């Protein structure tokens, strides 16, 4: 599986072909294979910039770095402190739009397997 700091690993069928994938993993694979996941990520980036969320997160990071001392802050510290605030502050309209796009994708996919 390929891992990332910000998201769960993308399942790789070649690692364990006998393992049954969960529905979430199947959907993720279909999104990646179709290229829809990248489109959704780009839409999310655009919406977060448009609503000022990105600037708000940058300001929170800068304030935290000033408070702790610029040389005393690591990226891991920032991720640990800012991630919960960032997730909680994503506007509901952005979440709803992404959910709608995912649902549309799933409806247009004839089958998940």
N, C-alpha and C. Protein backbone atom coordinates (compact mmCIF):
# COMPACT_ATOMS: atom_id res chain seq x y z
N UNK A 1 0.83 -1.19 0.00
CA UNK A 1 0.00 0.00 0.00
C UNK A 1 0.87 1.24 0.00
N UNK A 2 0.43 2.26 -0.72
CA UNK A 2 1.14 3.53 -0.74
C UNK A 2 0.53 4.42 0.33
N UNK A 3 1.35 4.92 1.22
CA UNK A 3 0.87 5.71 2.34
C UNK A 3 1.17 7.18 2.15
N UNK A 4 0.46 8.00 2.90
CA UNK A 4 0.65 9.44 2.92
C UNK A 4 0.38 9.93 4.33
N UNK A 5 0.91 11.09 4.63
CA UNK A 5 0.66 11.68 5.95
C UNK A 5 -0.81 12.04 6.10
N UNK A 6 -1.42 12.53 5.02
CA UNK A 6 -2.74 13.12 5.10
C UNK A 6 -3.89 12.20 4.74
N UNK A 7 -3.61 11.03 4.20
CA UNK A 7 -4.71 10.17 3.80
C UNK A 7 -4.32 8.71 3.99
N UNK A 8 -5.34 7.86 4.06
CA UNK A 8 -5.03 6.44 4.22
C UNK A 8 -4.35 5.91 2.96
N UNK A 9 -3.65 4.79 3.08
CA UNK A 9 -2.96 4.23 1.93
C UNK A 9 -3.93 3.77 0.85
N UNK A 10 -3.49 3.87 -0.40
CA UNK A 10 -4.27 3.36 -1.52
C UNK A 10 -4.02 1.87 -1.60
N UNK A 11 -5.09 1.06 -1.58
CA UNK A 11 -4.90 -0.39 -1.61
C UNK A 11 -4.24 -0.83 -2.92
N UNK A 12 -3.45 -1.86 -2.83
CA UNK A 12 -2.76 -2.41 -3.99
C UNK A 12 -3.08 -3.90 -4.05
N UNK A 13 -3.85 -4.29 -5.04
CA UNK A 13 -4.30 -5.68 -5.14
C UNK A 13 -3.15 -6.66 -5.27
N UNK A 14 -2.01 -6.23 -5.82
CA UNK A 14 -0.89 -7.13 -6.01
C UNK A 14 -0.25 -7.56 -4.70
N UNK A 15 -0.39 -6.77 -3.64
CA UNK A 15 0.22 -7.11 -2.36
C UNK A 15 -0.41 -8.35 -1.75
N UNK A 16 -1.72 -8.45 -1.78
CA UNK A 16 -2.42 -9.61 -1.21
C UNK A 16 -3.69 -9.83 -2.01
N UNK A 17 -3.59 -10.59 -3.10
CA UNK A 17 -4.75 -10.79 -3.97
C UNK A 17 -5.91 -11.52 -3.28
N UNK A 18 -5.63 -12.24 -2.20
CA UNK A 18 -6.68 -12.98 -1.50
C UNK A 18 -7.51 -12.08 -0.59
N UNK A 19 -6.94 -10.95 -0.19
CA UNK A 19 -7.63 -10.06 0.75
C UNK A 19 -8.83 -9.40 0.08
N UNK A 20 -9.94 -9.47 0.74
CA UNK A 20 -11.16 -8.83 0.24
C UNK A 20 -11.13 -7.35 0.62
N UNK A 21 -11.35 -6.48 -0.37
CA UNK A 21 -11.32 -5.04 -0.12
C UNK A 21 -12.63 -4.57 0.49
N UNK A 22 -12.55 -3.57 1.36
CA UNK A 22 -13.75 -2.98 1.93
C UNK A 22 -14.41 -2.10 0.88
N UNK A 23 -15.65 -1.73 1.11
CA UNK A 23 -16.37 -0.86 0.18
C UNK A 23 -15.62 0.46 0.01
N UNK A 24 -15.13 1.00 1.09
CA UNK A 24 -14.37 2.26 1.03
C UNK A 24 -13.13 2.12 0.13
N UNK A 25 -12.42 1.00 0.28
CA UNK A 25 -11.23 0.75 -0.54
C UNK A 25 -11.60 0.57 -2.01
N UNK A 26 -12.69 -0.12 -2.27
CA UNK A 26 -13.14 -0.33 -3.65
C UNK A 26 -13.48 1.01 -4.30
N UNK A 27 -14.20 1.85 -3.58
CA UNK A 27 -14.56 3.18 -4.10
C UNK A 27 -13.30 3.98 -4.37
N UNK A 28 -12.35 3.94 -3.44
CA UNK A 28 -11.09 4.68 -3.60
C UNK A 28 -10.35 4.20 -4.85
N UNK A 29 -10.28 2.90 -5.05
CA UNK A 29 -9.59 2.35 -6.22
C UNK A 29 -10.27 2.84 -7.50
N UNK A 30 -11.61 2.81 -7.53
CA UNK A 30 -12.34 3.25 -8.72
C UNK A 30 -12.11 4.74 -8.98
N UNK A 31 -12.10 5.53 -7.92
CA UNK A 31 -11.85 6.97 -8.08
C UNK A 31 -10.46 7.22 -8.64
N UNK A 32 -9.47 6.49 -8.14
CA UNK A 32 -8.09 6.66 -8.61
C UNK A 32 -7.97 6.19 -10.06
N UNK A 33 -8.47 5.00 -10.35
CA UNK A 33 -8.35 4.43 -11.70
C UNK A 33 -9.02 5.29 -12.77
N UNK A 34 -10.12 5.92 -12.42
CA UNK A 34 -10.86 6.73 -13.40
C UNK A 34 -10.29 8.13 -13.54
N UNK A 35 -9.43 8.53 -12.61
CA UNK A 35 -8.92 9.90 -12.62
C UNK A 35 -9.83 10.88 -11.91
N UNK A 36 -10.95 10.39 -11.41
CA UNK A 36 -11.92 11.25 -10.73
C UNK A 36 -11.38 11.77 -9.41
N UNK A 37 -10.55 10.99 -8.74
CA UNK A 37 -10.01 11.42 -7.44
C UNK A 37 -9.18 12.69 -7.61
N UNK A 38 -8.35 12.73 -8.66
CA UNK A 38 -7.53 13.92 -8.90
C UNK A 38 -8.41 15.13 -9.23
N UNK A 39 -9.49 14.90 -9.98
CA UNK A 39 -10.43 16.00 -10.29
C UNK A 39 -11.09 16.51 -9.02
N UNK A 40 -11.47 15.59 -8.14
CA UNK A 40 -12.09 15.98 -6.86
C UNK A 40 -11.10 16.75 -5.99
N UNK A 41 -9.85 16.30 -5.98
CA UNK A 41 -8.83 16.99 -5.19
C UNK A 41 -8.62 18.41 -5.72
N UNK A 42 -8.60 18.57 -7.03
CA UNK A 42 -8.43 19.90 -7.62
C UNK A 42 -9.63 20.79 -7.30
N UNK A 43 -10.83 20.24 -7.38
CA UNK A 43 -12.04 20.99 -7.03
C UNK A 43 -11.97 21.43 -5.56
N UNK A 44 -11.55 20.52 -4.69
CA UNK A 44 -11.42 20.84 -3.27
C UNK A 44 -10.43 21.98 -3.06
N UNK A 45 -9.27 21.89 -3.72
CA UNK A 45 -8.26 22.97 -3.60
C UNK A 45 -8.86 24.31 -4.02
N UNK A 46 -9.55 24.33 -5.16
CA UNK A 46 -10.14 25.56 -5.66
C UNK A 46 -11.15 26.14 -4.68
N UNK A 47 -12.03 25.29 -4.18
CA UNK A 47 -13.08 25.77 -3.26
C UNK A 47 -12.49 26.28 -1.94
N UNK A 48 -11.47 25.60 -1.45
CA UNK A 48 -10.85 26.03 -0.19
C UNK A 48 -10.13 27.36 -0.36
N UNK A 49 -9.54 27.59 -1.51
CA UNK A 49 -8.90 28.88 -1.78
C UNK A 49 -9.97 29.96 -1.89
N UNK A 50 -11.04 29.66 -2.65
CA UNK A 50 -12.12 30.63 -2.88
C UNK A 50 -12.76 31.10 -1.57
N UNK A 51 -12.95 30.19 -0.63
CA UNK A 51 -13.65 30.56 0.60
C UNK A 51 -12.72 31.12 1.67
N UNK A 52 -11.42 31.17 1.39
CA UNK A 52 -10.48 31.73 2.34
C UNK A 52 -9.94 30.75 3.36
N UNK A 53 -10.32 29.49 3.25
CA UNK A 53 -9.87 28.48 4.20
C UNK A 53 -8.35 28.33 4.18
N UNK A 54 -7.77 28.31 2.99
CA UNK A 54 -6.32 28.13 2.86
C UNK A 54 -5.57 29.27 3.57
N UNK A 55 -6.02 30.50 3.36
CA UNK A 55 -5.38 31.65 4.02
C UNK A 55 -5.53 31.56 5.53
N UNK A 56 -6.69 31.09 5.96
CA UNK A 56 -6.94 30.92 7.41
C UNK A 56 -5.96 29.90 8.00
N UNK A 57 -5.74 28.80 7.29
CA UNK A 57 -4.81 27.77 7.77
C UNK A 57 -3.38 28.29 7.77
N UNK A 58 -3.00 29.05 6.75
CA UNK A 58 -1.66 29.64 6.72
C UNK A 58 -1.47 30.57 7.92
N UNK A 59 -2.49 31.35 8.22
CA UNK A 59 -2.41 32.28 9.35
C UNK A 59 -2.27 31.51 10.66
N UNK A 60 -3.01 30.41 10.81
CA UNK A 60 -2.90 29.60 12.02
C UNK A 60 -1.49 29.01 12.15
N UNK A 61 -0.93 28.55 11.05
CA UNK A 61 0.43 28.00 11.06
C UNK A 61 1.45 29.06 11.46
N UNK A 62 1.30 30.24 10.88
CA UNK A 62 2.23 31.33 11.20
C UNK A 62 2.12 31.74 12.67
N UNK A 63 0.89 31.82 13.15
CA UNK A 63 0.69 32.20 14.55
C UNK A 63 1.30 31.15 15.49
N UNK A 64 1.11 29.88 15.16
CA UNK A 64 1.68 28.81 15.98
C UNK A 64 3.20 28.88 15.97
N UNK A 65 3.78 29.13 14.79
CA UNK A 65 5.23 29.21 14.67
C UNK A 65 5.78 30.40 15.45
N UNK A 66 5.07 31.52 15.41
CA UNK A 66 5.50 32.69 16.20
C UNK A 66 5.43 32.40 17.69
N UNK A 67 4.37 31.74 18.10
CA UNK A 67 4.17 31.43 19.52
C UNK A 67 5.25 30.48 20.05
N UNK A 68 5.57 29.45 19.30
CA UNK A 68 6.53 28.44 19.74
C UNK A 68 7.98 28.81 19.41
N UNK A 69 8.15 29.75 18.52
CA UNK A 69 9.49 30.08 18.06
C UNK A 69 9.74 29.36 16.76
N UNK A 70 10.08 30.11 15.76
CA UNK A 70 10.20 29.57 14.40
C UNK A 70 11.12 28.36 14.30
N UNK A 71 12.20 28.37 15.06
CA UNK A 71 13.16 27.27 14.99
C UNK A 71 12.76 26.07 15.85
N UNK A 72 11.69 26.20 16.61
CA UNK A 72 11.24 25.13 17.50
C UNK A 72 10.03 24.38 16.98
N UNK A 73 9.63 24.64 15.73
CA UNK A 73 8.43 24.03 15.18
C UNK A 73 8.81 23.12 14.02
N UNK A 74 8.25 21.91 14.03
CA UNK A 74 8.47 20.99 12.92
C UNK A 74 7.17 20.87 12.11
N UNK A 75 7.29 20.31 10.93
CA UNK A 75 6.10 20.08 10.11
C UNK A 75 5.15 19.14 10.84
N UNK A 76 5.69 18.13 11.51
CA UNK A 76 4.84 17.21 12.26
C UNK A 76 4.06 17.93 13.36
N UNK A 77 4.70 18.89 14.03
CA UNK A 77 4.00 19.70 15.04
C UNK A 77 2.82 20.43 14.42
N UNK A 78 3.08 21.08 13.29
CA UNK A 78 2.02 21.82 12.61
C UNK A 78 0.87 20.90 12.21
N UNK A 79 1.21 19.75 11.64
CA UNK A 79 0.17 18.81 11.21
C UNK A 79 -0.67 18.37 12.41
N UNK A 80 0.00 18.06 13.51
CA UNK A 80 -0.70 17.59 14.71
C UNK A 80 -1.65 18.66 15.26
N UNK A 81 -1.22 19.91 15.26
CA UNK A 81 -2.01 20.99 15.85
C UNK A 81 -3.07 21.51 14.89
N UNK A 82 -2.72 21.68 13.63
CA UNK A 82 -3.59 22.36 12.67
C UNK A 82 -4.63 21.43 12.03
N UNK A 83 -4.31 20.16 11.84
CA UNK A 83 -5.22 19.25 11.14
C UNK A 83 -6.62 19.20 11.75
N UNK A 84 -6.77 19.03 13.06
CA UNK A 84 -8.13 19.00 13.60
C UNK A 84 -8.89 20.31 13.35
N UNK A 85 -8.20 21.43 13.50
CA UNK A 85 -8.84 22.73 13.26
C UNK A 85 -9.21 22.87 11.79
N UNK A 86 -8.31 22.42 10.92
CA UNK A 86 -8.57 22.51 9.48
C UNK A 86 -9.76 21.67 9.05
N UNK A 87 -9.82 20.46 9.52
CA UNK A 87 -10.94 19.58 9.16
C UNK A 87 -12.26 20.13 9.68
N UNK A 88 -12.24 20.66 10.88
CA UNK A 88 -13.47 21.19 11.48
C UNK A 88 -13.95 22.47 10.79
N UNK A 89 -13.04 23.18 10.15
CA UNK A 89 -13.42 24.47 9.58
C UNK A 89 -13.71 24.45 8.08
N UNK A 90 -13.68 23.27 7.46
CA UNK A 90 -14.06 23.19 6.05
C UNK A 90 -15.55 23.51 5.96
N UNK A 91 -15.92 24.48 5.13
CA UNK A 91 -17.34 24.88 5.04
C UNK A 91 -18.24 23.71 4.63
N UNK A 92 -19.43 23.68 5.21
CA UNK A 92 -20.39 22.63 4.88
C UNK A 92 -20.74 22.62 3.40
N UNK A 93 -20.76 23.79 2.77
CA UNK A 93 -21.09 23.86 1.35
C UNK A 93 -20.05 23.12 0.50
N UNK A 94 -18.79 23.21 0.91
CA UNK A 94 -17.72 22.52 0.19
C UNK A 94 -17.86 21.01 0.39
N UNK A 95 -18.13 20.60 1.61
CA UNK A 95 -18.33 19.18 1.89
C UNK A 95 -19.50 18.64 1.09
N UNK A 96 -20.60 19.39 1.06
CA UNK A 96 -21.80 18.95 0.34
C UNK A 96 -21.54 18.84 -1.16
N UNK A 97 -20.80 19.78 -1.72
CA UNK A 97 -20.49 19.73 -3.15
C UNK A 97 -19.64 18.50 -3.48
N UNK A 98 -18.64 18.22 -2.66
CA UNK A 98 -17.80 17.04 -2.90
C UNK A 98 -18.60 15.75 -2.74
N UNK A 99 -19.44 15.70 -1.73
CA UNK A 99 -20.28 14.52 -1.52
C UNK A 99 -21.19 14.30 -2.73
N UNK A 100 -21.75 15.37 -3.25
CA UNK A 100 -22.62 15.27 -4.42
C UNK A 100 -21.85 14.74 -5.63
N UNK A 101 -20.64 15.23 -5.82
CA UNK A 101 -19.81 14.77 -6.95
C UNK A 101 -19.46 13.29 -6.79
N UNK A 102 -19.15 12.86 -5.57
CA UNK A 102 -18.82 11.45 -5.34
C UNK A 102 -20.05 10.58 -5.58
N UNK A 103 -21.20 11.03 -5.09
CA UNK A 103 -22.44 10.27 -5.31
C UNK A 103 -22.76 10.16 -6.80
N UNK A 104 -22.57 11.25 -7.53
CA UNK A 104 -22.81 11.23 -8.98
C UNK A 104 -21.87 10.24 -9.67
N UNK A 105 -20.61 10.25 -9.24
CA UNK A 105 -19.64 9.32 -9.80
C UNK A 105 -20.09 7.88 -9.54
N UNK A 106 -20.51 7.59 -8.31
CA UNK A 106 -20.92 6.23 -7.96
C UNK A 106 -22.17 5.81 -8.75
N UNK A 107 -23.08 6.75 -8.94
CA UNK A 107 -24.29 6.44 -9.70
C UNK A 107 -23.97 6.17 -11.17
N UNK A 108 -22.99 6.86 -11.69
CA UNK A 108 -22.62 6.67 -13.10
C UNK A 108 -21.78 5.43 -13.32
N UNK A 109 -21.15 4.95 -12.26
CA UNK A 109 -20.38 3.70 -12.37
C UNK A 109 -21.38 2.54 -12.35
N UNK A 110 -21.31 1.71 -13.35
CA UNK A 110 -22.28 0.62 -13.44
C UNK A 110 -22.11 -0.38 -12.30
N UNK A 111 -20.85 -0.57 -11.88
CA UNK A 111 -20.58 -1.56 -10.85
C UNK A 111 -19.30 -1.17 -10.12
N UNK A 112 -19.23 -1.49 -8.85
CA UNK A 112 -18.03 -1.20 -8.07
C UNK A 112 -17.01 -2.31 -8.19
N UNK A 113 -17.32 -3.41 -8.77
CA UNK A 113 -16.34 -4.51 -8.90
C UNK A 113 -16.02 -4.77 -10.32
